[in-house]
Each structure stands twice: as C-alpha cells, then as structure tokens.
Amino acid sequence: MVPENQKSPIRKKRKDSTFSRINKWLHLWLGLASGIIVCIVCLTGCIWVFNAEITALLEPETTVEWQDKQVVSPGQLSALVARDFPDKLPAFANYQQGRVIYLNLKDKIEKDKTQKGGRRGGGTTLKINPYTGELIGKDVLKKGETDFFRFILNGHRFLWMPPAIGRPIVNYGTLVFVVLLITGLIWWYPKKWNNSTRDKSFKIKWTASFKRVNLDLHNVLGFYSLLFLLAIALSGMVYGIKWYSEGLYWVTSGGTPLTDFKRFESDSLQVNKFYTPEQAMDLAWNKVIAKHPKSEGFFYNFPDTSNAKAAIGITVYPNSGQFYNFRAYNFDQHTLAQLTRDDVYNGAYETAGFGTKLRRMNYDIHIGSILGFPGKVMAFLASLIGASLPITGFLVWYGRKFKKKGFDKRTSVSADANEQENVLKQEELLTE
C-alpha cells in the first residue's frame, strides 16, 4: 500500500469550451490529412530557395566575376547558335550578375517552322560568358527529362503528379496549412501566463524525455516560425488559387479588379516590312539597355518567326537575386513599336499602388529574397521547420493514441514529488 504522503494528487481536468474543442479537432484531423503534402511542399521549397547558390557551388564554372562593361547582345548569341548549332534556334535567355548567361534553344524543323522548346522538360541550354560570348558548357536533356531543380520545382508545385491533379492538391493543401497554423497558434496560447507556461511556450527542454522534447519541437518551433510560414503559404496560394489571388488583389488595391494575364502580340500585317528578326531583337535590346544601363539581370525571348503575332519581350532586374522591381518591355517584332498594357506587371514599380507593389513582391516574399540573403536563410529555416511539424505532430498524436499505456496517477510512486508533478502536467498536455 502506498503511503499517503507519496500519493499523486488527482487532477480534475478542466472542460474545454466548444470553440477550443472544435479548434483542436480541426488541428488534429486536418494535420493528419495534409501532413505528407505539407512535408513534401516544405522540403522542396527550402531546397528551391537556394537553387542559384547550390548551382554556383556545384558548377563553379558558371560563376563569372563582374566586369564594368556591357554584356553580349542578343545578336551575338544568335550568331553563336547559327555557327555551332545549325539545327537549333535561340528561344530565351536569362542572366543574373556574377553568373553565366543561360540560353535555351529550340529545335529547327523546317524553314520558318519551329518546335517550341519545353521549359519543364527536354531541350538544350547553353552556358555563355556574358562578356566574351564564350561557350562555357551546355546541358542537353531528352524530351521528358528534367534537371535537378526542375524536378524539385515539379514536386513543389504538383507533387510529381500530372499537373491537372497535383496542382489542386498542393494549392488547397497549402490553404489547409494556413488553417493549421492559425489553429495551432490558438491551441499553443496558454490559458494563464506564468513562469511554467512561459518556459513551455518559448523554450525546448532538451534534457526531458523524448515525448516532451518532441512536443516542444512542435509547439515552440511552430510558434517561432509562424509568421514566416504564413507569409510563405499565403504568397504561394497566389499562384494556384484564382479566387484567392483575385480577392487578395481586390482588397489590397482598394477594390480594383485583377486583370487577366495576356501575352502581347505583334501586328501580323507588317511581317518583314522593316527589320529582320535579328535586327529587331538587337534594336529592342539597345533601347532597353540604354534606359537601364546598371541593371544586374535580364530575361528576354527571341521572336518566334513561325508566329507572326509573337512579340519581343525584355525584362530587366535592377538588383541581382531580387525580382519585385523589375521593368518589362514588349515590342512588335516587325515595327519595333512598344506595346503597352495596364496591368500589374507593366510600368514602373516605384509609381505603382500598394496592391500592385504587393503583387509584384509576391515571389520575393515567397522565397524570402525580399529581405536579401538573410531573408532567404529565414525562408529556408522556416520551410525546414514547416516540414518537421507534420512529423512531430504525428508523433505526439501516435504516442498519445497507441503508445501510452495509461499512466496510473493513483498508484504511481515517485521519489521526487516535483518531477512527478512535471510528468502529470505533461500527461495533461498530451491528452488535451
């Protein structure tokens, strides 16, 4: 028989409110249902954040020291392709200061008929020194093949499933994740603030049992990463959920509807009347670079001669590694008339309204580059924590549901009353 002074006090569990029970139910079952999706999306996301830095590390030849002179023109790139790859045509080029120019090619089938190169799989990519035009290397992928980071991005966007199936799963899985973050914060918030609850809410007790450490990892790390994960998730939903994207823009722009994205088109009645495609491309490039001589990156597409309505598009980036303040220009490939349209991705960032600025910052917010390299580090760590939350949460639930054999509060004996009290409090947390 256990002495009276060694018996554990029997604690009467406080009855939760209806709101609290619903909140906990949602957090538990939505978490179990979406755990695998959240884990994959967060893991692939934290890898993608540093795709440029990882590529530079693994392929040091693609790093080119900055020089105070102009980079090679589109015409020089076209000449390189015509000389060394006569069965190909240039499709589009992109460049960030300190790196090579990546030039994607497409197959030439017949005169004035081309096969569009796939950006998701297959094709040839040249790596070109931006100052000398020297060919540094090339990647050739067969149709359907992808490089490592395209593979990662495919997992991030549609779980390596057919896009029509995988995209909605990821999009609405992300929406569920937002709900989990909010319900988790509500569950985390202590009923009373004292030294004990502050320690449990903000500190990980590494010397405790596995159950306690795992619960602390879920609660404490989840709290510290909450704002970052919300920013990442909410910005990610812009790319996949149309009603959310349009609604967010409507709210942040003061009631202005979001216009649909449409590609610019050239005037097909003016074919070859003024310039050859190569001349048009270089002249358009010279116009843009004269306005932005200090830009640290660019992206442009070469005119598709098989499509008379295709336009020339040139985008310049003032800061390498950031995209929100880009400036986009589009030209008729036959007359070089500048094409304009009133939408969120045209015009100067500096003169745009709040809703437009927020939309243009969306990608940088999503990957953390809005705060520069430190922001990318924070996005990486937050995504890594996000991937761990379904795992630690599952272990909390599994340990409570299947592993706990009924810690008998009435008969257990402990030599240390304070330690026994901590165990009882922990049991109460796990059974809430």
Protein backbone atom coordinates (compact mmCIF):
# COMPACT_ATOMS: atom_id res chain seq x y z
CA MET A 1 0.00 0.00 0.00
CA VAL A 2 1.33 3.44 -0.97
CA PRO A 3 1.91 5.84 1.93
CA GLU A 4 -0.47 8.77 1.96
CA ASN A 5 2.28 11.34 1.61
CA GLN A 6 3.57 9.66 -1.61
CA LYS A 7 0.26 9.54 -3.45
CA SER A 8 0.00 11.72 -6.55
CA PRO A 9 -2.68 14.35 -6.42
CA ILE A 10 -5.66 13.53 -8.63
CA ARG A 11 -6.20 16.39 -11.01
CA LYS A 12 -9.64 17.16 -12.32
CA LYS A 13 -9.30 18.06 -15.98
CA ARG A 14 -10.89 21.34 -16.89
CA LYS A 15 -13.60 21.09 -19.51
CA ASP A 16 -12.71 22.91 -22.72
CA SER A 17 -15.09 25.30 -24.38
CA THR A 18 -16.86 24.29 -27.59
CA PHE A 19 -14.62 26.62 -29.58
CA SER A 20 -11.49 25.06 -28.07
CA ARG A 21 -12.68 21.52 -28.82
CA ILE A 22 -13.51 22.41 -32.43
CA ASN A 23 -10.14 24.14 -32.82
CA LYS A 24 -8.26 21.10 -31.51
CA TRP A 25 -10.31 18.74 -33.66
CA LEU A 26 -9.56 20.76 -36.79
CA HIS A 27 -5.86 20.99 -35.98
CA LEU A 28 -5.58 17.26 -35.36
CA TRP A 29 -7.51 15.85 -38.30
CA LEU A 30 -6.56 18.45 -40.89
CA GLY A 31 -2.94 17.93 -39.84
CA LEU A 32 -3.17 14.17 -40.24
CA ALA A 33 -4.90 14.53 -43.63
CA SER A 34 -2.42 17.03 -45.11
CA GLY A 35 0.81 16.01 -43.38
CA ILE A 36 2.51 14.32 -46.33
CA ILE A 37 1.59 17.16 -48.70
CA VAL A 38 2.91 19.82 -46.30
CA CYS A 39 6.12 17.87 -45.70
CA ILE A 40 6.91 17.46 -49.43
CA VAL A 41 6.00 21.04 -50.35
CA CYS A 42 8.08 22.50 -47.50
CA LEU A 43 11.11 20.29 -48.15
CA THR A 44 11.17 21.01 -51.88
CA GLY A 45 10.59 24.68 -51.13
CA CYS A 46 13.56 25.01 -48.79
CA ILE A 47 15.78 23.37 -51.44
CA TRP A 48 14.46 25.66 -54.19
CA VAL A 49 15.18 28.81 -52.14
CA PHE A 50 18.92 28.31 -52.68
CA ASN A 51 18.82 26.89 -56.21
CA ALA A 52 21.12 29.62 -57.57
CA GLU A 53 23.62 29.30 -54.71
CA ILE A 54 23.66 25.49 -54.86
CA THR A 55 24.17 25.57 -58.64
CA ALA A 56 27.06 28.03 -58.24
CA LEU A 57 28.62 25.72 -55.64
CA LEU A 58 28.26 22.55 -57.70
CA GLU A 59 29.15 24.23 -61.01
CA PRO A 60 31.88 26.77 -60.23
CA GLU A 61 32.46 27.38 -63.94
CA THR A 62 29.08 29.15 -64.08
CA THR A 63 30.33 31.90 -61.74
CA VAL A 64 31.76 34.84 -63.69
CA GLU A 65 33.39 37.82 -61.99
CA TRP A 66 31.57 41.08 -62.65
CA GLN A 67 33.18 43.44 -65.16
CA ASP A 68 32.29 47.08 -65.75
CA LYS A 69 31.20 46.64 -69.36
CA GLN A 70 28.17 45.64 -71.40
CA VAL A 71 27.18 42.02 -71.71
CA VAL A 72 26.91 40.38 -75.12
CA SER A 73 23.90 41.30 -77.23
CA PRO A 74 21.11 39.01 -78.44
CA GLY A 75 22.57 39.23 -81.94
CA GLN A 76 25.87 37.80 -80.73
CA LEU A 77 24.04 34.93 -79.07
CA SER A 78 22.07 34.26 -82.26
CA ALA A 79 25.32 34.22 -84.25
CA LEU A 80 26.84 31.69 -81.83
CA VAL A 81 23.82 29.41 -82.20
CA ALA A 82 23.83 29.69 -86.00
CA ARG A 83 27.53 28.82 -86.10
CA ASP A 84 27.73 25.96 -83.59
CA PHE A 85 24.14 24.63 -83.52
CA PRO A 86 22.72 25.00 -87.04
CA ASP A 87 19.76 22.73 -86.28
CA LYS A 88 18.67 24.94 -83.36
CA LEU A 89 17.22 28.39 -82.80
CA PRO A 90 17.56 30.62 -79.71
CA ALA A 91 14.40 30.64 -77.59
CA PHE A 92 15.06 32.74 -74.50
CA ALA A 93 17.97 33.93 -72.35
CA ASN A 94 18.31 34.84 -68.69
CA TYR A 95 21.16 36.32 -66.70
CA GLN A 96 21.98 37.39 -63.14
CA GLN A 97 25.10 39.40 -62.39
CA GLY A 98 28.00 37.18 -61.37
CA ARG A 99 26.70 34.19 -63.34
CA VAL A 100 26.77 32.98 -66.93
CA ILE A 101 24.02 33.69 -69.43
CA TYR A 102 21.70 30.71 -69.74
CA LEU A 103 20.45 30.45 -73.32
CA ASN A 104 17.69 27.96 -74.06
CA LEU A 105 17.41 26.58 -77.57
CA LYS A 106 14.55 25.09 -79.56
CA ASP A 107 14.65 22.68 -82.46
CA LYS A 108 14.50 23.92 -86.03
CA ILE A 109 12.23 21.64 -88.07
CA GLU A 110 11.63 23.46 -91.35
CA LYS A 111 12.09 26.92 -92.65
CA ASP A 112 10.06 29.31 -90.56
CA LYS A 113 8.61 26.41 -88.58
CA THR A 114 9.91 25.67 -85.12
CA GLN A 115 9.24 23.29 -82.32
CA LYS A 116 8.92 25.21 -79.10
CA GLY A 117 11.45 24.12 -76.53
CA GLY A 118 9.95 22.83 -73.31
CA ARG A 119 10.77 24.72 -70.15
CA ARG A 120 9.59 21.82 -68.00
CA GLY A 121 11.48 19.06 -69.72
CA GLY A 122 13.85 18.37 -72.61
CA GLY A 123 15.83 20.84 -74.68
CA THR A 124 19.33 22.31 -74.82
CA THR A 125 20.65 25.03 -72.51
CA LEU A 126 23.91 26.83 -73.25
CA LYS A 127 26.06 28.48 -70.58
CA ILE A 128 27.76 31.53 -72.05
CA ASN A 129 30.28 34.01 -70.66
CA PRO A 130 28.31 37.29 -70.51
CA TYR A 131 31.28 39.46 -71.50
CA THR A 132 33.15 37.43 -74.12
CA GLY A 133 30.37 35.28 -75.60
CA GLU A 134 32.48 32.17 -74.98
CA LEU A 135 30.55 28.91 -74.69
CA ILE A 136 31.35 27.53 -71.24
CA GLY A 137 29.11 24.48 -71.22
CA LYS A 138 25.78 23.02 -72.24
CA ASP A 139 23.07 20.80 -70.81
CA VAL A 140 21.15 18.53 -73.14
CA LEU A 141 18.01 16.85 -71.89
CA LYS A 142 15.83 14.43 -73.81
CA LYS A 143 12.12 15.05 -74.13
CA GLY A 144 10.51 14.47 -70.76
CA GLU A 145 13.79 14.74 -68.84
CA THR A 146 14.34 17.46 -66.27
CA ASP A 147 17.33 18.80 -64.39
CA PHE A 148 17.53 18.52 -60.60
CA PHE A 149 15.95 21.85 -59.74
CA ARG A 150 13.16 21.46 -62.28
CA PHE A 151 12.49 18.09 -60.63
CA ILE A 152 12.37 19.83 -57.24
CA LEU A 153 10.04 22.53 -58.59
CA ASN A 154 7.75 19.92 -60.14
CA GLY A 155 7.44 18.28 -56.73
CA HIS A 156 6.83 21.63 -55.08
CA ARG A 157 4.08 22.63 -57.49
CA PHE A 158 2.29 19.34 -58.20
CA LEU A 159 3.93 16.50 -56.23
CA TRP A 160 5.38 14.95 -59.43
CA MET A 161 1.84 14.07 -60.48
CA PRO A 162 0.05 15.21 -63.65
CA PRO A 163 -0.36 18.98 -63.14
CA ALA A 164 -4.15 18.83 -63.51
CA ILE A 165 -4.25 16.51 -60.48
CA GLY A 166 -1.26 17.64 -58.44
CA ARG A 167 -1.77 21.40 -58.61
CA PRO A 168 -5.17 21.48 -56.86
CA ILE A 169 -3.86 19.09 -54.20
CA VAL A 170 -0.90 21.37 -53.46
CA ASN A 171 -2.95 24.57 -53.73
CA TYR A 172 -5.66 23.53 -51.31
CA GLY A 173 -3.18 21.61 -49.15
CA THR A 174 -1.46 24.97 -48.67
CA LEU A 175 -4.78 26.54 -47.70
CA VAL A 176 -5.25 23.78 -45.13
CA PHE A 177 -1.74 24.51 -43.85
CA VAL A 178 -2.73 28.14 -43.23
CA VAL A 179 -5.70 26.90 -41.19
CA LEU A 180 -3.34 24.60 -39.26
CA LEU A 181 -1.02 27.48 -38.43
CA ILE A 182 -3.91 29.56 -37.07
CA THR A 183 -5.48 26.69 -35.08
CA GLY A 184 -2.02 25.75 -33.82
CA LEU A 185 -1.46 29.27 -32.51
CA ILE A 186 -4.83 29.19 -30.73
CA TRP A 187 -4.00 25.79 -29.19
CA TRP A 188 -0.49 26.97 -28.23
CA TYR A 189 -1.70 30.09 -26.42
CA PRO A 190 -1.67 29.35 -22.66
CA LYS A 191 -4.79 29.88 -20.56
CA LYS A 192 -2.59 31.53 -17.91
CA TRP A 193 0.81 33.19 -18.21
CA ASN A 194 3.30 32.21 -15.51
CA ASN A 195 6.90 31.02 -15.36
CA SER A 196 5.92 27.43 -16.12
CA THR A 197 3.78 28.23 -19.17
CA ARG A 198 6.37 30.70 -20.48
CA ASP A 199 9.05 28.03 -20.33
CA LYS A 200 6.84 25.50 -22.11
CA SER A 201 5.76 28.03 -24.74
CA PHE A 202 9.13 29.54 -25.63
CA LYS A 203 11.82 27.03 -24.61
CA ILE A 204 12.74 23.50 -25.61
CA LYS A 205 13.68 21.33 -22.62
CA TRP A 206 16.41 19.25 -24.23
CA THR A 207 17.08 17.22 -21.07
CA ALA A 208 13.48 15.99 -20.81
CA SER A 209 12.00 12.76 -22.14
CA PHE A 210 11.55 12.16 -25.86
CA LYS A 211 7.82 12.92 -25.60
CA ARG A 212 8.49 16.29 -24.01
CA VAL A 213 11.25 17.24 -26.46
CA ASN A 214 9.09 16.21 -29.42
CA LEU A 215 6.15 18.24 -28.11
CA ASP A 216 8.42 21.24 -27.53
CA LEU A 217 9.80 20.95 -31.07
CA HIS A 218 6.25 21.02 -32.41
CA ASN A 219 4.97 23.86 -30.22
CA VAL A 220 7.99 26.10 -29.77
CA LEU A 221 9.47 25.89 -33.27
CA GLY A 222 5.98 26.18 -34.72
CA PHE A 223 5.45 29.42 -32.83
CA TYR A 224 8.80 30.97 -33.80
CA SER A 225 8.33 30.15 -37.49
CA LEU A 226 4.63 31.07 -37.60
CA LEU A 227 4.85 34.50 -39.27
CA PHE A 228 7.39 33.32 -41.84
CA LEU A 229 5.34 30.23 -42.69
CA LEU A 230 2.19 32.31 -43.02
CA ALA A 231 3.95 34.69 -45.42
CA ILE A 232 5.30 31.79 -47.47
CA ALA A 233 1.97 29.94 -47.58
CA LEU A 234 -0.19 32.98 -48.32
CA SER A 235 2.12 34.15 -51.11
CA GLY A 236 2.25 30.62 -52.54
CA MET A 237 -1.54 30.46 -52.79
CA VAL A 238 -1.45 33.46 -55.13
CA TYR A 239 -0.02 31.18 -57.83
CA GLY A 240 -2.60 28.44 -57.54
CA ILE A 241 -5.99 29.58 -56.21
CA LYS A 242 -7.64 32.03 -58.58
CA TRP A 243 -10.39 33.28 -56.26
CA TYR A 244 -7.84 33.90 -53.51
CA SER A 245 -5.44 35.68 -55.88
CA GLU A 246 -8.14 37.94 -57.28
CA GLY A 247 -9.65 38.58 -53.85
CA LEU A 248 -6.31 39.50 -52.29
CA TYR A 249 -5.56 41.96 -55.07
CA TRP A 250 -9.06 43.45 -54.86
CA VAL A 251 -8.67 44.03 -51.13
CA THR A 252 -5.11 45.41 -51.22
CA SER A 253 -5.74 47.65 -54.23
CA GLY A 254 -8.87 49.27 -52.82
CA GLY A 255 -11.41 47.46 -54.97
CA THR A 256 -9.56 47.30 -58.30
CA PRO A 257 -10.18 44.00 -60.13
CA LEU A 258 -7.17 41.95 -61.22
CA THR A 259 -6.89 41.83 -65.00
CA ASP A 260 -6.17 38.52 -66.70
CA PHE A 261 -2.67 37.95 -67.99
CA LYS A 262 -2.49 38.03 -71.79
CA ARG A 263 0.55 37.76 -74.00
CA PHE A 264 1.47 40.74 -76.14
CA GLU A 265 1.01 40.30 -79.86
CA SER A 266 2.70 41.91 -82.86
CA ASP A 267 0.85 43.31 -85.88
CA SER A 268 0.85 40.38 -88.30
CA LEU A 269 0.20 42.68 -91.30
CA GLN A 270 3.70 44.14 -91.09
CA VAL A 271 5.73 40.91 -91.49
CA ASN A 272 9.37 41.58 -92.54
CA LYS A 273 8.46 45.08 -93.67
CA PHE A 274 11.06 46.92 -91.64
CA TYR A 275 13.53 44.58 -89.84
CA THR A 276 14.82 41.06 -89.89
CA PRO A 277 14.21 39.17 -86.61
CA GLU A 278 17.88 39.52 -85.65
CA GLN A 279 17.88 43.27 -86.32
CA ALA A 280 14.65 43.77 -84.41
CA MET A 281 15.98 41.87 -81.42
CA ASP A 282 19.20 43.88 -81.16
CA LEU A 283 17.47 47.22 -81.69
CA ALA A 284 14.91 46.42 -78.98
CA TRP A 285 17.71 45.32 -76.65
CA ASN A 286 19.64 48.56 -77.26
CA LYS A 287 16.55 50.63 -76.46
CA VAL A 288 16.03 48.89 -73.14
CA ILE A 289 19.66 48.75 -72.06
CA ALA A 290 20.05 52.49 -72.78
CA LYS A 291 17.30 53.16 -70.22
CA HIS A 292 18.69 50.70 -67.65
CA PRO A 293 22.49 50.54 -68.09
CA LYS A 294 23.11 49.41 -64.50
CA SER A 295 20.64 46.54 -64.36
CA GLU A 296 22.04 43.40 -62.75
CA GLY A 297 19.95 40.86 -64.60
CA PHE A 298 17.65 40.29 -67.54
CA PHE A 299 15.34 37.86 -69.24
CA TYR A 300 14.27 38.06 -72.88
CA ASN A 301 12.67 35.91 -75.53
CA PHE A 302 13.72 35.83 -79.16
CA PRO A 303 10.95 36.50 -81.72
CA ASP A 304 9.30 33.31 -82.94
CA THR A 305 9.47 33.55 -86.72
CA SER A 306 6.88 30.77 -87.07
CA ASN A 307 4.32 33.03 -85.37
CA ALA A 308 3.91 36.44 -86.97
CA LYS A 309 1.98 37.69 -83.95
CA ALA A 310 4.71 36.82 -81.43
CA ALA A 311 6.21 39.86 -79.69
CA ILE A 312 9.66 40.59 -78.31
CA GLY A 313 9.73 40.65 -74.52
CA ILE A 314 12.64 42.03 -72.49
CA THR A 315 12.67 42.23 -68.69
CA VAL A 316 15.46 43.86 -66.71
CA TYR A 317 16.19 43.43 -62.98
CA PRO A 318 17.84 46.33 -61.10
CA ASN A 319 19.12 44.04 -58.32
CA SER A 320 20.58 40.59 -58.81
CA GLY A 321 18.59 37.98 -56.95
CA GLN A 322 15.51 40.18 -56.49
CA PHE A 323 12.60 40.41 -58.90
CA TYR A 324 9.90 42.68 -57.46
CA ASN A 325 11.18 45.94 -59.03
CA PHE A 326 11.75 44.54 -62.50
CA ARG A 327 10.83 46.54 -65.59
CA ALA A 328 9.23 44.74 -68.52
CA TYR A 329 9.19 45.97 -72.14
CA ASN A 330 7.42 44.46 -75.12
CA PHE A 331 7.86 45.32 -78.78
CA ASP A 332 6.23 44.48 -82.08
CA GLN A 333 8.81 42.23 -83.74
CA HIS A 334 8.13 43.79 -87.17
CA THR A 335 7.91 47.52 -86.45
CA LEU A 336 9.59 47.78 -83.02
CA ALA A 337 6.61 49.75 -81.77
CA GLN A 338 6.49 49.46 -77.99
CA LEU A 339 3.46 47.55 -76.77
CA THR A 340 1.86 48.65 -73.52
CA ARG A 341 -0.92 47.39 -71.30
CA ASP A 342 -2.31 48.47 -67.96
CA ASP A 343 -1.72 45.51 -65.63
CA VAL A 344 0.26 44.71 -62.50
CA TYR A 345 3.36 43.53 -64.37
CA ASN A 346 3.86 46.56 -66.60
CA GLY A 347 5.06 50.03 -65.75
CA ALA A 348 7.49 51.17 -63.10
CA TYR A 349 7.36 49.60 -59.65
CA GLU A 350 8.10 52.92 -57.96
CA THR A 351 4.92 54.59 -59.26
CA ALA A 352 2.60 51.62 -58.66
CA GLY A 353 -0.12 51.49 -55.99
CA PHE A 354 0.10 49.36 -52.85
CA GLY A 355 -1.82 46.38 -54.24
CA THR A 356 0.30 46.28 -57.39
CA LYS A 357 3.53 46.58 -55.42
CA LEU A 358 2.47 43.77 -53.11
CA ARG A 359 1.62 41.54 -56.08
CA ARG A 360 4.97 42.24 -57.72
CA MET A 361 6.75 41.45 -54.43
CA ASN A 362 4.92 38.14 -54.15
CA TYR A 363 7.68 35.88 -55.48
CA ASP A 364 10.37 37.60 -53.42
CA ILE A 365 8.18 37.24 -50.32
CA HIS A 366 7.61 33.58 -51.14
CA ILE A 367 11.33 32.73 -51.30
CA GLY A 368 12.49 35.31 -48.74
CA SER A 369 14.64 37.34 -51.15
CA ILE A 370 12.58 40.44 -50.36
CA LEU A 371 14.97 40.76 -47.36
CA GLY A 372 18.04 39.79 -49.36
CA PHE A 373 20.21 36.82 -48.46
CA PRO A 374 19.23 36.89 -44.74
CA GLY A 375 15.61 36.63 -45.83
CA LYS A 376 16.37 33.54 -47.91
CA VAL A 377 18.06 31.97 -44.89
CA MET A 378 14.96 32.67 -42.79
CA ALA A 379 12.70 31.23 -45.51
CA PHE A 380 14.89 28.12 -45.67
CA LEU A 381 14.79 27.57 -41.91
CA ALA A 382 11.05 28.28 -41.71
CA SER A 383 10.35 25.81 -44.53
CA LEU A 384 12.51 23.20 -42.84
CA ILE A 385 10.57 23.68 -39.61
CA GLY A 386 7.35 23.55 -41.61
CA ALA A 387 8.37 20.16 -42.99
CA SER A 388 9.05 18.91 -39.45
CA LEU A 389 5.69 19.99 -37.99
CA PRO A 390 3.63 17.16 -39.55
CA ILE A 391 6.21 14.65 -38.28
CA THR A 392 6.40 15.93 -34.71
CA GLY A 393 2.65 16.43 -34.65
CA PHE A 394 2.06 12.86 -35.81
CA LEU A 395 4.40 11.55 -33.12
CA VAL A 396 2.51 13.50 -30.44
CA TRP A 397 -0.79 12.02 -31.63
CA TYR A 398 0.62 8.50 -32.11
CA GLY A 399 2.27 8.50 -28.70
CA ARG A 400 -0.95 9.55 -27.04
CA LYS A 401 -3.18 7.22 -29.03
CA PHE A 402 -1.19 3.99 -29.23
CA LYS A 403 1.90 4.12 -27.04
CA LYS A 404 0.55 5.48 -23.77
CA LYS A 405 -0.41 2.54 -21.58
CA GLY A 406 -2.32 4.53 -19.03
CA PHE A 407 0.00 6.22 -16.57
CA ASP A 408 -1.78 5.42 -13.31
CA LYS A 409 -1.93 8.62 -11.29
CA ARG A 410 -3.48 6.88 -8.30
CA THR A 411 -0.81 4.24 -7.72
CA SER A 412 2.43 5.63 -9.23
CA VAL A 413 5.22 6.32 -6.84
CA SER A 414 7.93 8.92 -7.35
CA ALA A 415 10.86 9.72 -5.16
CA ASP A 416 10.80 13.27 -6.40
CA ALA A 417 7.45 14.98 -5.97
CA ASN A 418 8.42 17.93 -8.20
CA GLU A 419 9.42 15.67 -11.07
CA GLN A 420 6.18 13.71 -10.68
CA GLU A 421 4.21 16.95 -10.90
CA ASN A 422 6.00 17.82 -14.18
CA VAL A 423 5.14 14.40 -15.60
CA LEU A 424 1.49 14.84 -14.67
CA LYS A 425 1.39 18.25 -16.32
CA GLN A 426 2.96 16.78 -19.43
CA GLU A 427 0.40 13.97 -19.49
CA GLU A 428 -2.33 16.59 -19.30
CA LEU A 429 -0.85 18.42 -22.30
CA LEU A 430 -0.67 15.23 -24.33
CA THR A 431 -4.24 14.23 -23.56
CA GLU A 432 -5.85 17.61 -24.24
